[in-house]
Amino acid sequence: MIKRIVLFNLLLVFLGNWCFAQEKAIIEDFKPSTLNQPGSDYPQVNSQGYARFKVFAPKADSVKVSLGLGGRGGTKLSKSTDGFWLGTTE
């Protein structure tokens, strides 16, 4: 009986972790932030609170955006062929 209870509890723990591990899809309703410089399209925010950045740095080896969210390490941006770096926060 105790073995069944332990197995049931382990099953609940693993199922709970699995359910919380599901990531929501990012809704593509990004709009320029109201705090942007006049005429600037980036950063953009969506209805879920994600932020999208676009930075021009053609000679950079890597670009990372940090929002000060407690040590998550920032969001690495991906380089495009035109020298812009793009990325969306998680």
PDB file of N, CA and C in Angstrom:
ATOM      1  N   MET A   1       0.824  -1.198   0.000  1.00  0.00           N
ATOM      2  CA  MET A   1       0.000   0.000   0.000  1.00  0.00           C
ATOM      3  C   MET A   1       0.871   1.266   0.000  1.00  0.00           C
ATOM      4  N   ILE A   2       1.899   1.259   0.826  1.00  0.00           N
ATOM      5  CA  ILE A   2       2.791   2.420   0.885  1.00  0.00           C
ATOM      6  C   ILE A   2       3.496   2.601  -0.456  1.00  0.00           C
ATOM      7  N   LYS A   3       3.860   1.498  -1.077  1.00  0.00           N
ATOM      8  CA  LYS A   3       4.520   1.559  -2.377  1.00  0.00           C
ATOM      9  C   LYS A   3       3.620   2.225  -3.416  1.00  0.00           C
ATOM     10  N   ARG A   4       2.338   1.920  -3.386  1.00  0.00           N
ATOM     11  CA  ARG A   4       1.382   2.536  -4.325  1.00  0.00           C
ATOM     12  C   ARG A   4       1.251   4.034  -4.070  1.00  0.00           C
ATOM     13  N   ILE A   5       1.221   4.411  -2.813  1.00  0.00           N
ATOM     14  CA  ILE A   5       1.102   5.835  -2.471  1.00  0.00           C
ATOM     15  C   ILE A   5       2.334   6.591  -2.955  1.00  0.00           C
ATOM     16  N   VAL A   6       3.509   6.026  -2.718  1.00  0.00           N
ATOM     17  CA  VAL A   6       4.749   6.663  -3.164  1.00  0.00           C
ATOM     18  C   VAL A   6       4.769   6.780  -4.688  1.00  0.00           C
ATOM     19  N   LEU A   7       4.415   5.724  -5.385  1.00  0.00           N
ATOM     20  CA  LEU A   7       4.388   5.763  -6.849  1.00  0.00           C
ATOM     21  C   LEU A   7       3.374   6.776  -7.367  1.00  0.00           C
ATOM     22  N   PHE A   8       2.222   6.848  -6.728  1.00  0.00           N
ATOM     23  CA  PHE A   8       1.202   7.817  -7.129  1.00  0.00           C
ATOM     24  C   PHE A   8       1.713   9.244  -6.939  1.00  0.00           C
ATOM     25  N   ASN A   9       2.362   9.508  -5.811  1.00  0.00           N
ATOM     26  CA  ASN A   9       2.904  10.847  -5.555  1.00  0.00           C
ATOM     27  C   ASN A   9       3.995  11.209  -6.556  1.00  0.00           C
ATOM     28  N   LEU A  10       4.855  10.249  -6.878  1.00  0.00           N
ATOM     29  CA  LEU A  10       5.878  10.505  -7.892  1.00  0.00           C
ATOM     30  C   LEU A  10       5.252  10.814  -9.248  1.00  0.00           C
ATOM     31  N   LEU A  11       4.220  10.087  -9.584  1.00  0.00           N
ATOM     32  CA  LEU A  11       3.512  10.333 -10.834  1.00  0.00           C
ATOM     33  C   LEU A  11       2.936  11.747 -10.863  1.00  0.00           C
ATOM     34  N   LEU A  12       2.340  12.178  -9.758  1.00  0.00           N
ATOM     35  CA  LEU A  12       1.791  13.534  -9.686  1.00  0.00           C
ATOM     36  C   LEU A  12       2.881  14.588  -9.849  1.00  0.00           C
ATOM     37  N   VAL A  13       4.022  14.364  -9.217  1.00  0.00           N
ATOM     38  CA  VAL A  13       5.132  15.320  -9.320  1.00  0.00           C
ATOM     39  C   VAL A  13       5.609  15.421 -10.768  1.00  0.00           C
ATOM     40  N   PHE A  14       5.827  14.286 -11.420  1.00  0.00           N
ATOM     41  CA  PHE A  14       6.310  14.310 -12.798  1.00  0.00           C
ATOM     42  C   PHE A  14       5.283  14.904 -13.753  1.00  0.00           C
ATOM     43  N   LEU A  15       4.018  14.594 -13.569  1.00  0.00           N
ATOM     44  CA  LEU A  15       2.981  15.168 -14.429  1.00  0.00           C
ATOM     45  C   LEU A  15       2.870  16.667 -14.214  1.00  0.00           C
ATOM     46  N   GLY A  16       2.979  17.103 -12.966  1.00  0.00           N
ATOM     47  CA  GLY A  16       2.925  18.536 -12.669  1.00  0.00           C
ATOM     48  C   GLY A  16       4.059  19.287 -13.333  1.00  0.00           C
ATOM     49  N   ASN A  17       5.266  18.748 -13.238  1.00  0.00           N
ATOM     50  CA  ASN A  17       6.417  19.384 -13.887  1.00  0.00           C
ATOM     51  C   ASN A  17       6.260  19.404 -15.398  1.00  0.00           C
ATOM     52  N   TRP A  18       5.751  18.327 -15.959  1.00  0.00           N
ATOM     53  CA  TRP A  18       5.558  18.260 -17.400  1.00  0.00           C
ATOM     54  C   TRP A  18       4.548  19.307 -17.858  1.00  0.00           C
ATOM     55  N   CYS A  19       3.471  19.484 -17.110  1.00  0.00           N
ATOM     56  CA  CYS A  19       2.444  20.465 -17.483  1.00  0.00           C
ATOM     57  C   CYS A  19       2.988  21.884 -17.425  1.00  0.00           C
ATOM     58  N   PHE A  20       3.788  22.184 -16.398  1.00  0.00           N
ATOM     59  CA  PHE A  20       4.334  23.527 -16.272  1.00  0.00           C
ATOM     60  C   PHE A  20       5.439  23.794 -17.288  1.00  0.00           C
ATOM     61  N   ALA A  21       6.016  22.764 -17.845  1.00  0.00           N
ATOM     62  CA  ALA A  21       7.094  22.930 -18.813  1.00  0.00           C
ATOM     63  C   ALA A  21       6.577  23.334 -20.188  1.00  0.00           C
ATOM     64  N   GLN A  22       5.288  23.261 -20.421  1.00  0.00           N
ATOM     65  CA  GLN A  22       4.729  23.638 -21.711  1.00  0.00           C
ATOM     66  C   GLN A  22       4.873  25.144 -21.904  1.00  0.00           C
ATOM     67  N   GLU A  23       5.401  25.544 -23.036  1.00  0.00           N
ATOM     68  CA  GLU A  23       5.569  26.959 -23.330  1.00  0.00           C
ATOM     69  C   GLU A  23       4.414  27.448 -24.192  1.00  0.00           C
ATOM     70  N   LYS A  24       3.934  28.645 -23.848  1.00  0.00           N
ATOM     71  CA  LYS A  24       2.889  29.242 -24.666  1.00  0.00           C
ATOM     72  C   LYS A  24       3.517  29.788 -25.944  1.00  0.00           C
ATOM     73  N   ALA A  25       2.784  29.686 -27.013  1.00  0.00           N
ATOM     74  CA  ALA A  25       3.247  30.257 -28.274  1.00  0.00           C
ATOM     75  C   ALA A  25       3.225  31.778 -28.160  1.00  0.00           C
ATOM     76  N   ILE A  26       4.215  32.407 -28.754  1.00  0.00           N
ATOM     77  CA  ILE A  26       4.286  33.866 -28.726  1.00  0.00           C
ATOM     78  C   ILE A  26       3.312  34.415 -29.756  1.00  0.00           C
ATOM     79  N   ILE A  27       2.434  35.293 -29.309  1.00  0.00           N
ATOM     80  CA  ILE A  27       1.461  35.933 -30.200  1.00  0.00           C
ATOM     81  C   ILE A  27       2.178  37.031 -30.984  1.00  0.00           C
ATOM     82  N   GLU A  28       2.033  37.005 -32.287  1.00  0.00           N
ATOM     83  CA  GLU A  28       2.722  37.962 -33.163  1.00  0.00           C
ATOM     84  C   GLU A  28       1.914  39.244 -33.351  1.00  0.00           C
ATOM     85  N   ASP A  29       1.608  39.910 -32.241  1.00  0.00           N
ATOM     86  CA  ASP A  29       0.908  41.200 -32.325  1.00  0.00           C
ATOM     87  C   ASP A  29       1.812  42.325 -31.804  1.00  0.00           C
ATOM     88  N   PHE A  30       3.086  42.275 -32.164  1.00  0.00           N
ATOM     89  CA  PHE A  30       4.071  43.242 -31.691  1.00  0.00           C
ATOM     90  C   PHE A  30       3.795  44.627 -32.270  1.00  0.00           C
ATOM     91  N   LYS A  31       3.945  45.629 -31.405  1.00  0.00           N
ATOM     92  CA  LYS A  31       3.790  47.032 -31.798  1.00  0.00           C
ATOM     93  C   LYS A  31       4.921  47.823 -31.155  1.00  0.00           C
ATOM     94  N   PRO A  32       5.346  48.929 -31.778  1.00  0.00           N
ATOM     95  CA  PRO A  32       6.381  49.748 -31.148  1.00  0.00           C
ATOM     96  C   PRO A  32       5.944  50.198 -29.751  1.00  0.00           C
ATOM     97  N   SER A  33       6.890  50.190 -28.835  1.00  0.00           N
ATOM     98  CA  SER A  33       6.604  50.618 -27.469  1.00  0.00           C
ATOM     99  C   SER A  33       6.217  52.090 -27.452  1.00  0.00           C
ATOM    100  N   THR A  34       5.342  52.452 -26.545  1.00  0.00           N
ATOM    101  CA  THR A  34       4.943  53.857 -26.405  1.00  0.00           C
ATOM    102  C   THR A  34       6.080  54.703 -25.841  1.00  0.00           C
ATOM    103  N   LEU A  35       7.123  54.070 -25.309  1.00  0.00           N
ATOM    104  CA  LEU A  35       8.259  54.791 -24.730  1.00  0.00           C
ATOM    105  C   LEU A  35       9.413  54.970 -25.711  1.00  0.00           C
ATOM    106  N   ASN A  36       9.245  54.516 -26.949  1.00  0.00           N
ATOM    107  CA  ASN A  36      10.301  54.640 -27.962  1.00  0.00           C
ATOM    108  C   ASN A  36      10.571  56.097 -28.300  1.00  0.00           C
ATOM    109  N   GLN A  37      11.774  56.338 -28.828  1.00  0.00           N
ATOM    110  CA  GLN A  37      12.094  57.642 -29.383  1.00  0.00           C
ATOM    111  C   GLN A  37      11.142  57.899 -30.550  1.00  0.00           C
ATOM    112  N   PRO A  38      10.743  59.144 -30.801  1.00  0.00           N
ATOM    113  CA  PRO A  38       9.856  59.423 -31.931  1.00  0.00           C
ATOM    114  C   PRO A  38      10.436  58.886 -33.245  1.00  0.00           C
ATOM    115  N   GLY A  39       9.621  58.143 -33.996  1.00  0.00           N
ATOM    116  CA  GLY A  39      10.023  57.587 -35.279  1.00  0.00           C
ATOM    117  C   GLY A  39      10.773  56.269 -35.191  1.00  0.00           C
ATOM    118  N   SER A  40      11.003  55.764 -33.986  1.00  0.00           N
ATOM    119  CA  SER A  40      11.732  54.504 -33.816  1.00  0.00           C
ATOM    120  C   SER A  40      10.755  53.339 -33.693  1.00  0.00           C
ATOM    121  N   ASP A  41      10.964  52.284 -34.483  1.00  0.00           N
ATOM    122  CA  ASP A  41      10.063  51.130 -34.483  1.00  0.00           C
ATOM    123  C   ASP A  41      10.399  50.091 -33.419  1.00  0.00           C
ATOM    124  N   TYR A  42      11.616  50.142 -32.864  1.00  0.00           N
ATOM    125  CA  TYR A  42      12.035  49.143 -31.873  1.00  0.00           C
ATOM    126  C   TYR A  42      12.506  49.828 -30.612  1.00  0.00           C
ATOM    127  N   PRO A  43      12.332  49.183 -29.466  1.00  0.00           N
ATOM    128  CA  PRO A  43      11.784  47.862 -29.222  1.00  0.00           C
ATOM    129  C   PRO A  43      10.273  47.820 -29.438  1.00  0.00           C
ATOM    130  N   GLN A  44       9.787  46.605 -29.673  1.00  0.00           N
ATOM    131  CA  GLN A  44       8.356  46.368 -29.835  1.00  0.00           C
ATOM    132  C   GLN A  44       7.889  45.450 -28.709  1.00  0.00           C
ATOM    133  N   VAL A  45       6.639  45.596 -28.316  1.00  0.00           N
ATOM    134  CA  VAL A  45       6.061  44.740 -27.276  1.00  0.00           C
ATOM    135  C   VAL A  45       4.769  44.119 -27.797  1.00  0.00           C
ATOM    136  N   ASN A  46       4.402  42.954 -27.225  1.00  0.00           N
ATOM    137  CA  ASN A  46       3.139  42.332 -27.623  1.00  0.00           C
ATOM    138  C   ASN A  46       2.203  42.245 -26.431  1.00  0.00           C
ATOM    139  N   SER A  47       1.037  41.691 -26.638  1.00  0.00           N
ATOM    140  CA  SER A  47       0.003  41.638 -25.603  1.00  0.00           C
ATOM    141  C   SER A  47       0.373  40.710 -24.447  1.00  0.00           C
ATOM    142  N   GLN A  48       1.372  39.834 -24.634  1.00  0.00           N
ATOM    143  CA  GLN A  48       1.808  38.932 -23.572  1.00  0.00           C
ATOM    144  C   GLN A  48       2.949  39.516 -22.742  1.00  0.00           C
ATOM    145  N   GLY A  49       3.458  40.680 -23.140  1.00  0.00           N
ATOM    146  CA  GLY A  49       4.553  41.309 -22.412  1.00  0.00           C
ATOM    147  C   GLY A  49       5.936  40.958 -22.936  1.00  0.00           C
ATOM    148  N   TYR A  50       6.020  40.246 -24.057  1.00  0.00           N
ATOM    149  CA  TYR A  50       7.314  39.957 -24.664  1.00  0.00           C
ATOM    150  C   TYR A  50       7.827  41.221 -25.344  1.00  0.00           C
ATOM    151  N   ALA A  51       9.147  41.359 -25.421  1.00  0.00           N
ATOM    152  CA  ALA A  51       9.757  42.502 -26.092  1.00  0.00           C
ATOM    153  C   ALA A  51      10.637  41.994 -27.230  1.00  0.00           C
ATOM    154  N   ARG A  52      10.592  42.688 -28.352  1.00  0.00           N
ATOM    155  CA  ARG A  52      11.393  42.329 -29.528  1.00  0.00           C
ATOM    156  C   ARG A  52      12.337  43.491 -29.811  1.00  0.00           C
ATOM    157  N   PHE A  53      13.607  43.144 -30.040  1.00  0.00           N
ATOM    158  CA  PHE A  53      14.636  44.153 -30.247  1.00  0.00           C
ATOM    159  C   PHE A  53      15.275  43.994 -31.615  1.00  0.00           C
ATOM    160  N   LYS A  54      15.720  45.120 -32.163  1.00  0.00           N
ATOM    161  CA  LYS A  54      16.455  45.133 -33.426  1.00  0.00           C
ATOM    162  C   LYS A  54      17.555  46.178 -33.268  1.00  0.00           C
ATOM    163  N   VAL A  55      18.795  45.710 -33.366  1.00  0.00           N
ATOM    164  CA  VAL A  55      19.954  46.569 -33.122  1.00  0.00           C
ATOM    165  C   VAL A  55      20.872  46.501 -34.339  1.00  0.00           C
ATOM    166  N   PHE A  56      21.340  47.664 -34.804  1.00  0.00           N
ATOM    167  CA  PHE A  56      22.286  47.691 -35.917  1.00  0.00           C
ATOM    168  C   PHE A  56      23.699  47.685 -35.354  1.00  0.00           C
ATOM    169  N   ALA A  57      24.405  46.598 -35.578  1.00  0.00           N
ATOM    170  CA  ALA A  57      25.788  46.459 -35.115  1.00  0.00           C
ATOM    171  C   ALA A  57      26.506  45.494 -36.059  1.00  0.00           C
ATOM    172  N   PRO A  58      26.826  45.949 -37.276  1.00  0.00           N
ATOM    173  CA  PRO A  58      27.365  45.039 -38.291  1.00  0.00           C
ATOM    174  C   PRO A  58      28.715  44.416 -37.936  1.00  0.00           C
ATOM    175  N   LYS A  59      29.504  45.058 -37.087  1.00  0.00           N
ATOM    176  CA  LYS A  59      30.828  44.525 -36.752  1.00  0.00           C
ATOM    177  C   LYS A  59      30.844  43.735 -35.443  1.00  0.00           C
ATOM    178  N   ALA A  60      29.714  43.633 -34.784  1.00  0.00           N
ATOM    179  CA  ALA A  60      29.665  42.926 -33.498  1.00  0.00           C
ATOM    180  C   ALA A  60      29.748  41.419 -33.695  1.00  0.00           C
ATOM    181  N   ASP A  61      30.360  40.752 -32.717  1.00  0.00           N
ATOM    182  CA  ASP A  61      30.424  39.289 -32.729  1.00  0.00           C
ATOM    183  C   ASP A  61      29.208  38.672 -32.060  1.00  0.00           C
ATOM    184  N   SER A  62      28.641  39.390 -31.094  1.00  0.00           N
ATOM    185  CA  SER A  62      27.421  38.928 -30.424  1.00  0.00           C
ATOM    186  C   SER A  62      26.745  40.127 -29.779  1.00  0.00           C
ATOM    187  N   VAL A  63      25.429  40.028 -29.634  1.00  0.00           N
ATOM    188  CA  VAL A  63      24.643  41.080 -28.989  1.00  0.00           C
ATOM    189  C   VAL A  63      23.667  40.400 -28.048  1.00  0.00           C
ATOM    190  N   LYS A  64      23.584  40.945 -26.829  1.00  0.00           N
ATOM    191  CA  LYS A  64      22.691  40.387 -25.823  1.00  0.00           C
ATOM    192  C   LYS A  64      21.915  41.536 -25.184  1.00  0.00           C
ATOM    193  N   VAL A  65      20.624  41.330 -24.954  1.00  0.00           N
ATOM    194  CA  VAL A  65      19.772  42.328 -24.323  1.00  0.00           C
ATOM    195  C   VAL A  65      19.404  41.818 -22.938  1.00  0.00           C
ATOM    196  N   SER A  66      19.621  42.652 -21.927  1.00  0.00           N
ATOM    197  CA  SER A  66      19.277  42.272 -20.557  1.00  0.00           C
ATOM    198  C   SER A  66      18.294  43.287 -19.999  1.00  0.00           C
ATOM    199  N   LEU A  67      17.205  42.780 -19.443  1.00  0.00           N
ATOM    200  CA  LEU A  67      16.177  43.657 -18.885  1.00  0.00           C
ATOM    201  C   LEU A  67      16.254  43.731 -17.369  1.00  0.00           C
ATOM    202  N   GLY A  68      17.303  43.192 -16.783  1.00  0.00           N
ATOM    203  CA  GLY A  68      17.452  43.217 -15.337  1.00  0.00           C
ATOM    204  C   GLY A  68      16.440  42.349 -14.621  1.00  0.00           C
ATOM    205  N   LEU A  69      16.176  41.160 -15.158  1.00  0.00           N
ATOM    206  CA  LEU A  69      15.153  40.290 -14.592  1.00  0.00           C
ATOM    207  C   LEU A  69      15.723  39.265 -13.618  1.00  0.00           C
ATOM    208  N   GLY A  70      16.765  39.602 -12.913  1.00  0.00           N
ATOM    209  CA  GLY A  70      17.262  38.731 -11.870  1.00  0.00           C
ATOM    210  C   GLY A  70      18.156  37.602 -12.321  1.00  0.00           C
ATOM    211  N   GLY A  71      19.116  37.877 -13.157  1.00  0.00           N
ATOM    212  CA  GLY A  71      20.122  36.888 -13.476  1.00  0.00           C
ATOM    213  C   GLY A  71      19.762  35.847 -14.509  1.00  0.00           C
ATOM    214  N   ARG A  72      18.833  36.113 -15.379  1.00  0.00           N
ATOM    215  CA  ARG A  72      18.486  35.131 -16.413  1.00  0.00           C
ATOM    216  C   ARG A  72      19.535  35.105 -17.519  1.00  0.00           C
ATOM    217  N   GLY A  73      20.468  36.017 -17.506  1.00  0.00           N
ATOM    218  CA  GLY A  73      21.536  35.996 -18.503  1.00  0.00           C
ATOM    219  C   GLY A  73      21.259  36.801 -19.749  1.00  0.00           C
ATOM    220  N   GLY A  74      20.107  37.380 -19.875  1.00  0.00           N
ATOM    221  CA  GLY A  74      19.780  38.181 -21.038  1.00  0.00           C
ATOM    222  C   GLY A  74      19.316  37.345 -22.217  1.00  0.00           C
ATOM    223  N   THR A  75      18.930  38.033 -23.267  1.00  0.00           N
ATOM    224  CA  THR A  75      18.452  37.389 -24.490  1.00  0.00           C
ATOM    225  C   THR A  75      19.478  37.619 -25.585  1.00  0.00           C
ATOM    226  N   LYS A  76      19.993  36.541 -26.155  1.00  0.00           N
ATOM    227  CA  LYS A  76      20.939  36.662 -27.261  1.00  0.00           C
ATOM    228  C   LYS A  76      20.169  36.996 -28.529  1.00  0.00           C
ATOM    229  N   LEU A  77      20.695  37.960 -29.274  1.00  0.00           N
ATOM    230  CA  LEU A  77      20.081  38.336 -30.538  1.00  0.00           C
ATOM    231  C   LEU A  77      20.786  37.599 -31.672  1.00  0.00           C
ATOM    232  N   SER A  78      20.059  37.377 -32.746  1.00  0.00           N
ATOM    233  CA  SER A  78      20.592  36.676 -33.922  1.00  0.00           C
ATOM    234  C   SER A  78      20.923  37.685 -35.006  1.00  0.00           C
ATOM    235  N   LYS A  79      22.075  37.503 -35.638  1.00  0.00           N
ATOM    236  CA  LYS A  79      22.529  38.437 -36.664  1.00  0.00           C
ATOM    237  C   LYS A  79      21.901  38.107 -38.008  1.00  0.00           C
ATOM    238  N   SER A  80      21.396  39.150 -38.679  1.00  0.00           N
ATOM    239  CA  SER A  80      20.880  38.989 -40.038  1.00  0.00           C
ATOM    240  C   SER A  80      21.958  39.445 -41.022  1.00  0.00           C
ATOM    241  N   THR A  81      21.750  39.198 -42.279  1.00  0.00           N
ATOM    242  CA  THR A  81      22.768  39.500 -43.291  1.00  0.00           C
ATOM    243  C   THR A  81      22.981  40.996 -43.514  1.00  0.00           C
ATOM    244  N   ASP A  82      22.013  41.819 -43.107  1.00  0.00           N
ATOM    245  CA  ASP A  82      22.131  43.262 -43.323  1.00  0.00           C
ATOM    246  C   ASP A  82      22.775  43.999 -42.151  1.00  0.00           C
ATOM    247  N   GLY A  83      23.341  43.268 -41.181  1.00  0.00           N
ATOM    248  CA  GLY A  83      24.025  43.896 -40.057  1.00  0.00           C
ATOM    249  C   GLY A  83      23.149  44.151 -38.848  1.00  0.00           C
ATOM    250  N   PHE A  84      21.871  43.837 -38.946  1.00  0.00           N
ATOM    251  CA  PHE A  84      20.969  44.003 -37.810  1.00  0.00           C
ATOM    252  C   PHE A  84      20.955  42.734 -36.967  1.00  0.00           C
ATOM    253  N   TRP A  85      20.763  42.912 -35.682  1.00  0.00           N
ATOM    254  CA  TRP A  85      20.619  41.812 -34.734  1.00  0.00           C
ATOM    255  C   TRP A  85      19.184  41.835 -34.237  1.00  0.00           C
ATOM    256  N   LEU A  86      18.511  40.682 -34.256  1.00  0.00           N
ATOM    257  CA  LEU A  86      17.100  40.595 -33.887  1.00  0.00           C
ATOM    258  C   LEU A  86      16.904  39.544 -32.804  1.00  0.00           C
ATOM    259  N   GLY A  87      15.936  39.802 -31.908  1.00  0.00           N
ATOM    260  CA  GLY A  87      15.613  38.810 -30.890  1.00  0.00           C
ATOM    261  C   GLY A  87      14.385  39.192 -30.105  1.00  0.00           C
ATOM    262  N   THR A  88      13.789  38.193 -29.470  1.00  0.00           N
ATOM    263  CA  THR A  88      12.588  38.371 -28.656  1.00  0.00           C
ATOM    264  C   THR A  88      12.853  37.808 -27.272  1.00  0.00           C
ATOM    265  N   THR A  89      12.508  38.576 -26.248  1.00  0.00           N
ATOM    266  CA  THR A  89      12.701  38.114 -24.877  1.00  0.00           C
ATOM    267  C   THR A  89      11.803  36.930 -24.593  1.00  0.00           C
ATOM    268  N   GLU A  90      12.193  36.137 -23.610  1.00  0.00           N
ATOM    269  CA  GLU A  90      11.395  34.976 -23.217  1.00  0.00           C
ATOM    270  C   GLU A  90      10.579  35.292 -21.995  1.00  0.00           C
TER     271      GLU A  90
END
